[in-house]
């Protein structure tokens, strides 16, 4: 299993840069990380139980907390903080970024939902 050699967050771009010891590197938007959170709140408690998370176009990361030697916990500015992102999961997100993003956009459209937050009435 490859391990990260760099983990750097750009607040301005809302992108987490992850570089691995085998030379692979990925720029992961905070929005993608949030809507693909490995938390039970998002992934559900079993196959086919994933929750679609709309309205996160402007979400950012406020903290990156180490979880042992195998992962980080990301704290988002929408107060979501329960997902633990293992090195292998971050790698998977990087490798499947386009596929996951396209599926997310299609699911939003199918559900009549938006990336933009809902405005208060």
PDB file of N, CA and C in Angstrom:
ATOM      1  N   UNK A   1       0.847  -1.181   0.000  1.00  0.00           N
ATOM      2  CA  UNK A   1       0.000   0.000   0.000  1.00  0.00           C
ATOM      3  C   UNK A   1       0.890   1.241   0.000  1.00  0.00           C
ATOM      4  N   UNK A   2       0.622   2.148  -0.906  1.00  0.00           N
ATOM      5  CA  UNK A   2       1.391   3.391  -0.925  1.00  0.00           C
ATOM      6  C   UNK A   2       0.908   4.308   0.187  1.00  0.00           C
ATOM      7  N   UNK A   3       1.816   5.159   0.612  1.00  0.00           N
ATOM      8  CA  UNK A   3       1.514   6.095   1.692  1.00  0.00           C
ATOM      9  C   UNK A   3       1.675   7.521   1.187  1.00  0.00           C
ATOM     10  N   UNK A   4       0.923   8.449   1.742  1.00  0.00           N
ATOM     11  CA  UNK A   4       1.058   9.834   1.301  1.00  0.00           C
ATOM     12  C   UNK A   4       2.385  10.446   1.758  1.00  0.00           C
ATOM     13  N   UNK A   5       2.946  11.245   0.882  1.00  0.00           N
ATOM     14  CA  UNK A   5       4.150  11.999   1.221  1.00  0.00           C
ATOM     15  C   UNK A   5       3.822  13.473   1.404  1.00  0.00           C
ATOM     16  N   UNK A   6       2.646  13.866   0.925  1.00  0.00           N
ATOM     17  CA  UNK A   6       2.221  15.257   1.059  1.00  0.00           C
ATOM     18  C   UNK A   6       0.705  15.315   1.156  1.00  0.00           C
ATOM     19  N   UNK A   7       0.239  16.140   2.055  1.00  0.00           N
ATOM     20  CA  UNK A   7      -1.185  16.395   2.239  1.00  0.00           C
ATOM     21  C   UNK A   7      -1.288  17.899   2.481  1.00  0.00           C
ATOM     22  N   UNK A   8      -1.805  18.621   1.483  1.00  0.00           N
ATOM     23  CA  UNK A   8      -1.820  20.084   1.552  1.00  0.00           C
ATOM     24  C   UNK A   8      -3.180  20.581   1.089  1.00  0.00           C
ATOM     25  N   UNK A   9      -3.777  21.455   1.887  1.00  0.00           N
ATOM     26  CA  UNK A   9      -5.096  21.983   1.550  1.00  0.00           C
ATOM     27  C   UNK A   9      -4.977  23.441   1.115  1.00  0.00           C
ATOM     28  N   UNK A  10      -5.613  23.767   0.003  1.00  0.00           N
ATOM     29  CA  UNK A  10      -5.700  25.146  -0.475  1.00  0.00           C
ATOM     30  C   UNK A  10      -7.080  25.677  -0.107  1.00  0.00           C
ATOM     31  N   UNK A  11      -7.129  26.585   0.848  1.00  0.00           N
ATOM     32  CA  UNK A  11      -8.416  27.170   1.250  1.00  0.00           C
ATOM     33  C   UNK A  11      -9.026  27.967   0.104  1.00  0.00           C
ATOM     34  N   UNK A  12      -8.199  28.693  -0.627  1.00  0.00           N
ATOM     35  CA  UNK A  12      -8.700  29.517  -1.727  1.00  0.00           C
ATOM     36  C   UNK A  12      -9.358  28.660  -2.808  1.00  0.00           C
ATOM     37  N   UNK A  13      -8.732  27.551  -3.152  1.00  0.00           N
ATOM     38  CA  UNK A  13      -9.280  26.681  -4.193  1.00  0.00           C
ATOM     39  C   UNK A  13     -10.179  25.585  -3.666  1.00  0.00           C
ATOM     40  N   UNK A  14     -10.221  25.437  -2.326  1.00  0.00           N
ATOM     41  CA  UNK A  14     -10.980  24.364  -1.674  1.00  0.00           C
ATOM     42  C   UNK A  14     -10.619  23.005  -2.273  1.00  0.00           C
ATOM     43  N   UNK A  15      -9.297  22.743  -2.335  1.00  0.00           N
ATOM     44  CA  UNK A  15      -8.786  21.508  -2.922  1.00  0.00           C
ATOM     45  C   UNK A  15      -7.733  20.907  -1.991  1.00  0.00           C
ATOM     46  N   UNK A  16      -7.841  19.605  -1.763  1.00  0.00           N
ATOM     47  CA  UNK A  16      -6.848  18.871  -0.986  1.00  0.00           C
ATOM     48  C   UNK A  16      -5.901  18.181  -1.956  1.00  0.00           C
ATOM     49  N   UNK A  17      -4.627  18.530  -1.882  1.00  0.00           N
ATOM     50  CA  UNK A  17      -3.611  17.890  -2.718  1.00  0.00           C
ATOM     51  C   UNK A  17      -3.019  16.736  -1.922  1.00  0.00           C
ATOM     52  N   UNK A  18      -3.016  15.546  -2.529  1.00  0.00           N
ATOM     53  CA  UNK A  18      -2.457  14.359  -1.899  1.00  0.00           C
ATOM     54  C   UNK A  18      -1.440  13.755  -2.851  1.00  0.00           C
ATOM     55  N   UNK A  19      -0.197  13.608  -2.381  1.00  0.00           N
ATOM     56  CA  UNK A  19       0.853  12.960  -3.165  1.00  0.00           C
ATOM     57  C   UNK A  19       1.274  11.687  -2.433  1.00  0.00           C
ATOM     58  N   UNK A  20       1.534  10.632  -3.193  1.00  0.00           N
ATOM     59  CA  UNK A  20       1.897   9.334  -2.627  1.00  0.00           C
ATOM     60  C   UNK A  20       3.356   8.992  -2.929  1.00  0.00           C
ATOM     61  N   UNK A  21       3.887   8.061  -2.149  1.00  0.00           N
ATOM     62  CA  UNK A  21       5.296   7.697  -2.275  1.00  0.00           C
ATOM     63  C   UNK A  21       5.641   6.977  -3.580  1.00  0.00           C
ATOM     64  N   UNK A  22       4.652   6.580  -4.349  1.00  0.00           N
ATOM     65  CA  UNK A  22       4.928   5.954  -5.646  1.00  0.00           C
ATOM     66  C   UNK A  22       4.847   6.957  -6.794  1.00  0.00           C
ATOM     67  N   UNK A  23       4.686   8.241  -6.456  1.00  0.00           N
ATOM     68  CA  UNK A  23       4.652   9.284  -7.466  1.00  0.00           C
ATOM     69  C   UNK A  23       3.257   9.734  -7.870  1.00  0.00           C
ATOM     70  N   UNK A  24       2.231   8.994  -7.520  1.00  0.00           N
ATOM     71  CA  UNK A  24       0.861   9.397  -7.848  1.00  0.00           C
ATOM     72  C   UNK A  24       0.495  10.627  -7.020  1.00  0.00           C
ATOM     73  N   UNK A  25      -0.261  11.536  -7.622  1.00  0.00           N
ATOM     74  CA  UNK A  25      -0.703  12.741  -6.922  1.00  0.00           C
ATOM     75  C   UNK A  25      -2.083  13.126  -7.440  1.00  0.00           C
ATOM     76  N   UNK A  26      -2.905  13.637  -6.542  1.00  0.00           N
ATOM     77  CA  UNK A  26      -4.282  13.976  -6.887  1.00  0.00           C
ATOM     78  C   UNK A  26      -4.678  15.282  -6.216  1.00  0.00           C
ATOM     79  N   UNK A  27      -5.518  16.049  -6.897  1.00  0.00           N
ATOM     80  CA  UNK A  27      -6.150  17.233  -6.328  1.00  0.00           C
ATOM     81  C   UNK A  27      -7.627  16.900  -6.150  1.00  0.00           C
ATOM     82  N   UNK A  28      -8.057  16.847  -4.900  1.00  0.00           N
ATOM     83  CA  UNK A  28      -9.415  16.429  -4.574  1.00  0.00           C
ATOM     84  C   UNK A  28     -10.219  17.614  -4.045  1.00  0.00           C
ATOM     85  N   UNK A  29     -11.242  18.033  -4.784  1.00  0.00           N
ATOM     86  CA  UNK A  29     -12.080  19.143  -4.316  1.00  0.00           C
ATOM     87  C   UNK A  29     -12.775  18.794  -2.999  1.00  0.00           C
ATOM     88  N   UNK A  30     -12.891  19.782  -2.127  1.00  0.00           N
ATOM     89  CA  UNK A  30     -13.565  19.580  -0.845  1.00  0.00           C
ATOM     90  C   UNK A  30     -14.988  19.078  -1.053  1.00  0.00           C
ATOM     91  N   UNK A  31     -15.655  19.564  -2.069  1.00  0.00           N
ATOM     92  CA  UNK A  31     -17.027  19.130  -2.331  1.00  0.00           C
ATOM     93  C   UNK A  31     -17.077  17.630  -2.607  1.00  0.00           C
ATOM     94  N   UNK A  32     -16.162  17.138  -3.416  1.00  0.00           N
ATOM     95  CA  UNK A  32     -16.121  15.699  -3.697  1.00  0.00           C
ATOM     96  C   UNK A  32     -15.835  14.917  -2.425  1.00  0.00           C
ATOM     97  N   UNK A  33     -14.861  15.375  -1.652  1.00  0.00           N
ATOM     98  CA  UNK A  33     -14.533  14.696  -0.396  1.00  0.00           C
ATOM     99  C   UNK A  33     -15.740  14.664   0.541  1.00  0.00           C
ATOM    100  N   UNK A  34     -16.500  15.750   0.571  1.00  0.00           N
ATOM    101  CA  UNK A  34     -17.671  15.823   1.458  1.00  0.00           C
ATOM    102  C   UNK A  34     -18.783  14.882   1.003  1.00  0.00           C
ATOM    103  N   UNK A  35     -19.086  14.894  -0.294  1.00  0.00           N
ATOM    104  CA  UNK A  35     -20.216  14.087  -0.765  1.00  0.00           C
ATOM    105  C   UNK A  35     -19.859  12.610  -0.875  1.00  0.00           C
ATOM    106  N   UNK A  36     -18.569  12.284  -0.842  1.00  0.00           N
ATOM    107  CA  UNK A  36     -18.122  10.894  -0.855  1.00  0.00           C
ATOM    108  C   UNK A  36     -17.540  10.495   0.503  1.00  0.00           C
ATOM    109  N   UNK A  37     -17.890  11.225   1.544  1.00  0.00           N
ATOM    110  CA  UNK A  37     -17.383  10.934   2.884  1.00  0.00           C
ATOM    111  C   UNK A  37     -17.583   9.457   3.220  1.00  0.00           C
ATOM    112  N   UNK A  38     -16.570   8.835   3.822  1.00  0.00           N
ATOM    113  CA  UNK A  38     -16.710   7.437   4.212  1.00  0.00           C
ATOM    114  C   UNK A  38     -17.572   7.230   5.464  1.00  0.00           C
ATOM    115  N   UNK A  39     -18.154   8.287   5.979  1.00  0.00           N
ATOM    116  CA  UNK A  39     -18.976   8.187   7.187  1.00  0.00           C
ATOM    117  C   UNK A  39     -20.248   7.382   6.934  1.00  0.00           C
ATOM    118  N   UNK A  40     -20.779   6.808   7.989  1.00  0.00           N
ATOM    119  CA  UNK A  40     -22.047   6.080   7.890  1.00  0.00           C
ATOM    120  C   UNK A  40     -23.180   7.025   7.504  1.00  0.00           C
ATOM    121  N   UNK A  41     -23.068   8.292   7.905  1.00  0.00           N
ATOM    122  CA  UNK A  41     -24.088   9.285   7.564  1.00  0.00           C
ATOM    123  C   UNK A  41     -24.253   9.403   6.045  1.00  0.00           C
ATOM    124  N   UNK A  42     -23.151   9.289   5.308  1.00  0.00           N
ATOM    125  CA  UNK A  42     -23.191   9.394   3.854  1.00  0.00           C
ATOM    126  C   UNK A  42     -23.273   8.015   3.198  1.00  0.00           C
ATOM    127  N   UNK A  43     -22.437   7.090   3.609  1.00  0.00           N
ATOM    128  CA  UNK A  43     -22.362   5.776   2.963  1.00  0.00           C
ATOM    129  C   UNK A  43     -23.472   4.832   3.385  1.00  0.00           C
ATOM    130  N   UNK A  44     -24.145   5.158   4.480  1.00  0.00           N
ATOM    131  CA  UNK A  44     -25.209   4.285   4.969  1.00  0.00           C
ATOM    132  C   UNK A  44     -24.640   3.116   5.751  1.00  0.00           C
ATOM    133  N   UNK A  45     -25.508   2.218   6.128  1.00  0.00           N
ATOM    134  CA  UNK A  45     -25.096   1.080   6.953  1.00  0.00           C
ATOM    135  C   UNK A  45     -25.188  -0.225   6.186  1.00  0.00           C
ATOM    136  N   UNK A  46     -25.009  -0.164   4.889  1.00  0.00           N
ATOM    137  CA  UNK A  46     -25.051  -1.368   4.074  1.00  0.00           C
ATOM    138  C   UNK A  46     -25.085  -1.021   2.607  1.00  0.00           C
ATOM    139  N   UNK A  47     -24.905  -2.018   1.762  1.00  0.00           N
ATOM    140  CA  UNK A  47     -24.907  -1.783   0.315  1.00  0.00           C
ATOM    141  C   UNK A  47     -26.213  -1.132  -0.147  1.00  0.00           C
ATOM    142  N   UNK A  48     -26.082  -0.169  -1.042  1.00  0.00           N
ATOM    143  CA  UNK A  48     -27.257   0.492  -1.589  1.00  0.00           C
ATOM    144  C   UNK A  48     -27.916   1.483  -0.659  1.00  0.00           C
ATOM    145  N   UNK A  49     -27.257   1.839   0.430  1.00  0.00           N
ATOM    146  CA  UNK A  49     -27.844   2.741   1.422  1.00  0.00           C
ATOM    147  C   UNK A  49     -27.215   4.138   1.405  1.00  0.00           C
ATOM    148  N   UNK A  50     -26.420   4.431   0.397  1.00  0.00           N
ATOM    149  CA  UNK A  50     -25.718   5.706   0.325  1.00  0.00           C
ATOM    150  C   UNK A  50     -26.703   6.873   0.223  1.00  0.00           C
ATOM    151  N   UNK A  51     -26.375   7.959   0.922  1.00  0.00           N
ATOM    152  CA  UNK A  51     -27.187   9.161   0.941  1.00  0.00           C
ATOM    153  C   UNK A  51     -26.607  10.186  -0.028  1.00  0.00           C
ATOM    154  N   UNK A  52     -27.431  10.745  -0.862  1.00  0.00           N
ATOM    155  CA  UNK A  52     -27.019  11.805  -1.767  1.00  0.00           C
ATOM    156  C   UNK A  52     -26.974  13.114  -0.982  1.00  0.00           C
ATOM    157  N   UNK A  53     -25.858  13.828  -1.069  1.00  0.00           N
ATOM    158  CA  UNK A  53     -25.664  15.051  -0.292  1.00  0.00           C
ATOM    159  C   UNK A  53     -25.632  16.248  -1.250  1.00  0.00           C
ATOM    160  N   UNK A  54     -26.747  16.958  -1.395  1.00  0.00           N
ATOM    161  CA  UNK A  54     -26.781  18.130  -2.285  1.00  0.00           C
ATOM    162  C   UNK A  54     -26.317  19.399  -1.565  1.00  0.00           C
ATOM    163  N   UNK A  55     -26.186  20.473  -2.317  1.00  0.00           N
ATOM    164  CA  UNK A  55     -25.961  21.790  -1.742  1.00  0.00           C
ATOM    165  C   UNK A  55     -24.598  22.036  -1.135  1.00  0.00           C
ATOM    166  N   UNK A  56     -23.567  21.359  -1.628  1.00  0.00           N
ATOM    167  CA  UNK A  56     -22.245  21.500  -1.018  1.00  0.00           C
ATOM    168  C   UNK A  56     -21.216  22.141  -1.959  1.00  0.00           C
ATOM    169  N   UNK A  57     -21.679  22.907  -2.926  1.00  0.00           N
ATOM    170  CA  UNK A  57     -20.784  23.514  -3.914  1.00  0.00           C
ATOM    171  C   UNK A  57     -19.700  24.388  -3.286  1.00  0.00           C
ATOM    172  N   UNK A  58     -19.981  24.977  -2.144  1.00  0.00           N
ATOM    173  CA  UNK A  58     -19.026  25.914  -1.543  1.00  0.00           C
ATOM    174  C   UNK A  58     -18.428  25.412  -0.236  1.00  0.00           C
ATOM    175  N   UNK A  59     -18.541  24.118   0.023  1.00  0.00           N
ATOM    176  CA  UNK A  59     -18.028  23.562   1.273  1.00  0.00           C
ATOM    177  C   UNK A  59     -16.499  23.627   1.288  1.00  0.00           C
ATOM    178  N   UNK A  60     -15.970  23.838   2.475  1.00  0.00           N
ATOM    179  CA  UNK A  60     -14.524  23.861   2.663  1.00  0.00           C
ATOM    180  C   UNK A  60     -14.120  22.958   3.806  1.00  0.00           C
ATOM    181  N   UNK A  61     -12.839  22.770   3.947  1.00  0.00           N
ATOM    182  CA  UNK A  61     -12.278  21.960   5.025  1.00  0.00           C
ATOM    183  C   UNK A  61     -11.665  22.913   6.043  1.00  0.00           C
ATOM    184  N   UNK A  62     -12.009  22.729   7.316  1.00  0.00           N
ATOM    185  CA  UNK A  62     -11.471  23.600   8.358  1.00  0.00           C
ATOM    186  C   UNK A  62     -10.332  22.945   9.133  1.00  0.00           C
ATOM    187  N   UNK A  63     -10.333  21.605   9.187  1.00  0.00           N
ATOM    188  CA  UNK A  63      -9.270  20.902   9.912  1.00  0.00           C
ATOM    189  C   UNK A  63      -8.974  19.572   9.239  1.00  0.00           C
ATOM    190  N   UNK A  64      -7.718  19.169   9.341  1.00  0.00           N
ATOM    191  CA  UNK A  64      -7.279  17.840   8.914  1.00  0.00           C
ATOM    192  C   UNK A  64      -6.609  17.224  10.131  1.00  0.00           C
ATOM    193  N   UNK A  65      -7.241  16.184  10.677  1.00  0.00           N
ATOM    194  CA  UNK A  65      -6.774  15.580  11.918  1.00  0.00           C
ATOM    195  C   UNK A  65      -6.234  14.178  11.663  1.00  0.00           C
ATOM    196  N   UNK A  66      -5.018  13.876  12.123  1.00  0.00           N
ATOM    197  CA  UNK A  66      -4.465  12.536  11.922  1.00  0.00           C
ATOM    198  C   UNK A  66      -5.251  11.484  12.694  1.00  0.00           C
ATOM    199  N   UNK A  67      -5.403  10.336  12.089  1.00  0.00           N
ATOM    200  CA  UNK A  67      -6.029   9.166  12.729  1.00  0.00           C
ATOM    201  C   UNK A  67      -5.004   8.039  12.657  1.00  0.00           C
ATOM    202  N   UNK A  68      -4.181   7.943  13.685  1.00  0.00           N
ATOM    203  CA  UNK A  68      -3.120   6.941  13.678  1.00  0.00           C
ATOM    204  C   UNK A  68      -2.174   7.179  12.512  1.00  0.00           C
ATOM    205  N   UNK A  69      -1.651   6.093  11.958  1.00  0.00           N
ATOM    206  CA  UNK A  69      -0.738   6.176  10.816  1.00  0.00           C
ATOM    207  C   UNK A  69      -1.414   5.772   9.519  1.00  0.00           C
ATOM    208  N   UNK A  70      -2.729   5.687   9.540  1.00  0.00           N
ATOM    209  CA  UNK A  70      -3.422   5.112   8.387  1.00  0.00           C
ATOM    210  C   UNK A  70      -4.443   6.030   7.733  1.00  0.00           C
ATOM    211  N   UNK A  71      -4.745   7.190   8.343  1.00  0.00           N
ATOM    212  CA  UNK A  71      -5.863   7.980   7.834  1.00  0.00           C
ATOM    213  C   UNK A  71      -5.848   9.396   8.405  1.00  0.00           C
ATOM    214  N   UNK A  72      -6.782  10.204   7.890  1.00  0.00           N
ATOM    215  CA  UNK A  72      -7.069  11.522   8.453  1.00  0.00           C
ATOM    216  C   UNK A  72      -8.578  11.665   8.588  1.00  0.00           C
ATOM    217  N   UNK A  73      -8.972  12.485   9.525  1.00  0.00           N
ATOM    218  CA  UNK A  73     -10.372  12.861   9.653  1.00  0.00           C
ATOM    219  C   UNK A  73     -10.475  14.292   9.175  1.00  0.00           C
ATOM    220  N   UNK A  74     -11.384  14.525   8.254  1.00  0.00           N
ATOM    221  CA  UNK A  74     -11.572  15.869   7.710  1.00  0.00           C
ATOM    222  C   UNK A  74     -12.771  16.519   8.392  1.00  0.00           C
ATOM    223  N   UNK A  75     -12.579  17.757   8.809  1.00  0.00           N
ATOM    224  CA  UNK A  75     -13.654  18.540   9.407  1.00  0.00           C
ATOM    225  C   UNK A  75     -14.041  19.601   8.371  1.00  0.00           C
ATOM    226  N   UNK A  76     -15.311  19.588   7.991  1.00  0.00           N
ATOM    227  CA  UNK A  76     -15.816  20.498   6.967  1.00  0.00           C
ATOM    228  C   UNK A  76     -16.523  21.675   7.615  1.00  0.00           C
ATOM    229  N   UNK A  77     -16.608  22.776   6.881  1.00  0.00           N
ATOM    230  CA  UNK A  77     -17.243  23.965   7.446  1.00  0.00           C
ATOM    231  C   UNK A  77     -18.764  23.865   7.521  1.00  0.00           C
ATOM    232  N   UNK A  78     -19.349  22.763   7.019  1.00  0.00           N
ATOM    233  CA  UNK A  78     -20.782  22.525   7.234  1.00  0.00           C
ATOM    234  C   UNK A  78     -20.995  21.673   8.490  1.00  0.00           C
ATOM    235  N   UNK A  79     -19.921  21.511   9.267  1.00  0.00           N
ATOM    236  CA  UNK A  79     -19.882  20.805  10.556  1.00  0.00           C
ATOM    237  C   UNK A  79     -19.826  19.285  10.428  1.00  0.00           C
ATOM    238  N   UNK A  80     -19.742  18.746   9.230  1.00  0.00           N
ATOM    239  CA  UNK A  80     -19.569  17.299   9.066  1.00  0.00           C
ATOM    240  C   UNK A  80     -18.135  16.955   9.464  1.00  0.00           C
ATOM    241  N   UNK A  81     -17.985  15.965  10.361  1.00  0.00           N
ATOM    242  CA  UNK A  81     -16.636  15.618  10.822  1.00  0.00           C
ATOM    243  C   UNK A  81     -16.476  14.146  11.188  1.00  0.00           C
ATOM    244  N   UNK A  82     -17.359  13.289  10.695  1.00  0.00           N
ATOM    245  CA  UNK A  82     -17.308  11.895  11.136  1.00  0.00           C
ATOM    246  C   UNK A  82     -16.627  10.940  10.159  1.00  0.00           C
ATOM    247  N   UNK A  83     -16.231  11.398   9.002  1.00  0.00           N
ATOM    248  CA  UNK A  83     -15.597  10.507   8.040  1.00  0.00           C
ATOM    249  C   UNK A  83     -14.112  10.366   8.285  1.00  0.00           C
ATOM    250  N   UNK A  84     -13.626   9.127   8.312  1.00  0.00           N
ATOM    251  CA  UNK A  84     -12.195   8.867   8.431  1.00  0.00           C
ATOM    252  C   UNK A  84     -11.703   8.393   7.068  1.00  0.00           C
ATOM    253  N   UNK A  85     -10.826   9.194   6.477  1.00  0.00           N
ATOM    254  CA  UNK A  85     -10.328   8.964   5.124  1.00  0.00           C
ATOM    255  C   UNK A  85      -8.999   8.217   5.193  1.00  0.00           C
ATOM    256  N   UNK A  86      -9.037   6.919   4.951  1.00  0.00           N
ATOM    257  CA  UNK A  86      -7.804   6.128   4.942  1.00  0.00           C
ATOM    258  C   UNK A  86      -6.966   6.521   3.736  1.00  0.00           C
ATOM    259  N   UNK A  87      -5.685   6.202   3.782  1.00  0.00           N
ATOM    260  CA  UNK A  87      -4.819   6.498   2.630  1.00  0.00           C
ATOM    261  C   UNK A  87      -5.353   5.800   1.385  1.00  0.00           C
ATOM    262  N   UNK A  88      -5.805   4.566   1.536  1.00  0.00           N
ATOM    263  CA  UNK A  88      -6.304   3.833   0.364  1.00  0.00           C
ATOM    264  C   UNK A  88      -7.598   4.462  -0.168  1.00  0.00           C
ATOM    265  N   UNK A  89      -8.445   5.004   0.718  1.00  0.00           N
ATOM    266  CA  UNK A  89      -9.670   5.649   0.249  1.00  0.00           C
ATOM    267  C   UNK A  89      -9.358   6.955  -0.469  1.00  0.00           C
ATOM    268  N   UNK A  90      -8.411   7.735   0.048  1.00  0.00           N
ATOM    269  CA  UNK A  90      -8.008   8.956  -0.642  1.00  0.00           C
ATOM    270  C   UNK A  90      -7.457   8.626  -2.025  1.00  0.00           C
ATOM    271  N   UNK A  91      -6.696   7.554  -2.103  1.00  0.00           N
ATOM    272  CA  UNK A  91      -6.147   7.131  -3.399  1.00  0.00           C
ATOM    273  C   UNK A  91      -7.278   6.741  -4.354  1.00  0.00           C
ATOM    274  N   UNK A  92      -8.233   5.961  -3.834  1.00  0.00           N
ATOM    275  CA  UNK A  92      -9.376   5.556  -4.657  1.00  0.00           C
ATOM    276  C   UNK A  92     -10.148   6.771  -5.167  1.00  0.00           C
ATOM    277  N   UNK A  93     -10.372   7.743  -4.292  1.00  0.00           N
ATOM    278  CA  UNK A  93     -11.076   8.957  -4.711  1.00  0.00           C
ATOM    279  C   UNK A  93     -10.303   9.673  -5.817  1.00  0.00           C
ATOM    280  N   UNK A  94      -8.995   9.708  -5.696  1.00  0.00           N
ATOM    281  CA  UNK A  94      -8.181  10.342  -6.722  1.00  0.00           C
ATOM    282  C   UNK A  94      -8.239   9.599  -8.045  1.00  0.00           C
ATOM    283  N   UNK A  95      -8.140   8.290  -7.978  1.00  0.00           N
ATOM    284  CA  UNK A  95      -8.142   7.482  -9.200  1.00  0.00           C
ATOM    285  C   UNK A  95      -9.503   7.464  -9.879  1.00  0.00           C
ATOM    286  N   UNK A  96     -10.568   7.587  -9.095  1.00  0.00           N
ATOM    287  CA  UNK A  96     -11.930   7.502  -9.635  1.00  0.00           C
ATOM    288  C   UNK A  96     -12.643   8.860  -9.655  1.00  0.00           C
ATOM    289  N   UNK A  97     -11.881   9.920  -9.492  1.00  0.00           N
ATOM    290  CA  UNK A  97     -12.460  11.260  -9.348  1.00  0.00           C
ATOM    291  C   UNK A  97     -13.490  11.577 -10.432  1.00  0.00           C
ATOM    292  N   UNK A  98     -13.132  11.438 -11.682  1.00  0.00           N
ATOM    293  CA  UNK A  98     -14.053  11.801 -12.764  1.00  0.00           C
ATOM    294  C   UNK A  98     -15.304  10.935 -12.760  1.00  0.00           C
ATOM    295  N   UNK A  99     -15.129   9.637 -12.575  1.00  0.00           N
ATOM    296  CA  UNK A  99     -16.265   8.705 -12.540  1.00  0.00           C
ATOM    297  C   UNK A  99     -17.215   9.044 -11.392  1.00  0.00           C
ATOM    298  N   UNK A 100     -16.656   9.269 -10.209  1.00  0.00           N
ATOM    299  CA  UNK A 100     -17.481   9.594  -9.040  1.00  0.00           C
ATOM    300  C   UNK A 100     -18.181  10.935  -9.213  1.00  0.00           C
ATOM    301  N   UNK A 101     -17.461  11.904  -9.766  1.00  0.00           N
ATOM    302  CA  UNK A 101     -18.052  13.228  -9.961  1.00  0.00           C
ATOM    303  C   UNK A 101     -19.209  13.169 -10.948  1.00  0.00           C
ATOM    304  N   UNK A 102     -19.000  12.470 -12.065  1.00  0.00           N
ATOM    305  CA  UNK A 102     -20.060  12.340 -13.063  1.00  0.00           C
ATOM    306  C   UNK A 102     -21.288  11.648 -12.474  1.00  0.00           C
ATOM    307  N   UNK A 103     -21.068  10.599 -11.695  1.00  0.00           N
ATOM    308  CA  UNK A 103     -22.183   9.878 -11.073  1.00  0.00           C
ATOM    309  C   UNK A 103     -22.919  10.784 -10.085  1.00  0.00           C
ATOM    310  N   UNK A 104     -22.180  11.598  -9.353  1.00  0.00           N
ATOM    311  CA  UNK A 104     -22.782  12.536  -8.408  1.00  0.00           C
ATOM    312  C   UNK A 104     -23.672  13.551  -9.135  1.00  0.00           C
ATOM    313  N   UNK A 105     -23.137  14.132 -10.201  1.00  0.00           N
ATOM    314  CA  UNK A 105     -23.912  15.113 -10.963  1.00  0.00           C
ATOM    315  C   UNK A 105     -25.164  14.486 -11.572  1.00  0.00           C
ATOM    316  N   UNK A 106     -25.050  13.274 -12.069  1.00  0.00           N
ATOM    317  CA  UNK A 106     -26.209  12.571 -12.632  1.00  0.00           C
ATOM    318  C   UNK A 106     -27.256  12.292 -11.558  1.00  0.00           C
ATOM    319  N   UNK A 107     -26.818  11.880 -10.379  1.00  0.00           N
ATOM    320  CA  UNK A 107     -27.755  11.598  -9.285  1.00  0.00           C
ATOM    321  C   UNK A 107     -28.468  12.875  -8.838  1.00  0.00           C
ATOM    322  N   UNK A 108     -27.730  13.979  -8.765  1.00  0.00           N
ATOM    323  CA  UNK A 108     -28.368  15.250  -8.411  1.00  0.00           C
ATOM    324  C   UNK A 108     -29.444  15.600  -9.427  1.00  0.00           C
ATOM    325  N   UNK A 109     -29.094  15.495 -10.705  1.00  0.00           N
ATOM    326  CA  UNK A 109     -30.049  15.837 -11.758  1.00  0.00           C
ATOM    327  C   UNK A 109     -31.275  14.934 -11.700  1.00  0.00           C
ATOM    328  N   UNK A 110     -31.049  13.641 -11.519  1.00  0.00           N
ATOM    329  CA  UNK A 110     -32.162  12.692 -11.458  1.00  0.00           C
ATOM    330  C   UNK A 110     -33.081  12.984 -10.274  1.00  0.00           C
ATOM    331  N   UNK A 111     -32.496  13.499  -9.195  1.00  0.00           N
ATOM    332  CA  UNK A 111     -33.292  13.803  -8.008  1.00  0.00           C
ATOM    333  C   UNK A 111     -33.834  15.221  -7.983  1.00  0.00           C
ATOM    334  N   UNK A 112     -33.553  15.991  -9.041  1.00  0.00           N
ATOM    335  CA  UNK A 112     -34.012  17.374  -9.069  1.00  0.00           C
ATOM    336  C   UNK A 112     -33.323  18.238  -8.027  1.00  0.00           C
ATOM    337  N   UNK A 113     -32.078  17.884  -7.709  1.00  0.00           N
ATOM    338  CA  UNK A 113     -31.325  18.582  -6.669  1.00  0.00           C
ATOM    339  C   UNK A 113     -30.195  19.404  -7.284  1.00  0.00           C
ATOM    340  N   UNK A 114     -29.556  20.212  -6.469  1.00  0.00           N
ATOM    341  CA  UNK A 114     -28.514  21.104  -6.945  1.00  0.00           C
ATOM    342  C   UNK A 114     -27.277  21.029  -6.070  1.00  0.00           C
ATOM    343  N   UNK A 115     -26.157  21.390  -6.658  1.00  0.00           N
ATOM    344  CA  UNK A 115     -24.909  21.540  -5.906  1.00  0.00           C
ATOM    345  C   UNK A 115     -24.967  22.777  -5.023  1.00  0.00           C
ATOM    346  N   UNK A 116     -25.763  23.753  -5.418  1.00  0.00           N
ATOM    347  CA  UNK A 116     -25.864  25.010  -4.684  1.00  0.00           C
ATOM    348  C   UNK A 116     -26.707  24.831  -3.420  1.00  0.00           C
ATOM    349  N   UNK A 117     -26.320  25.491  -2.337  1.00  0.00           N
ATOM    350  CA  UNK A 117     -27.115  25.410  -1.107  1.00  0.00           C
ATOM    351  C   UNK A 117     -28.498  26.009  -1.309  1.00  0.00           C
ATOM    352  N   UNK A 118     -29.460  25.490  -0.586  1.00  0.00           N
ATOM    353  CA  UNK A 118     -30.807  26.065  -0.622  1.00  0.00           C
ATOM    354  C   UNK A 118     -30.799  27.379   0.112  1.00  0.00           C
ATOM    355  N   UNK A 119     -31.532  28.312  -0.414  1.00  0.00           N
ATOM    356  CA  UNK A 119     -31.639  29.619   0.236  1.00  0.00           C
ATOM    357  C   UNK A 119     -32.805  29.597   1.223  1.00  0.00           C
ATOM    358  N   UNK A 120     -32.608  30.292   2.315  1.00  0.00           N
ATOM    359  CA  UNK A 120     -33.673  30.377   3.321  1.00  0.00           C
ATOM    360  C   UNK A 120     -34.858  31.164   2.725  1.00  0.00           C
ATOM    361  N   UNK A 121     -36.071  30.751   3.064  1.00  0.00           N
ATOM    362  CA  UNK A 121     -37.263  31.444   2.528  1.00  0.00           C
ATOM    363  C   UNK A 121     -37.407  32.837   3.077  1.00  0.00           C
TER     364      UNK A 121
END
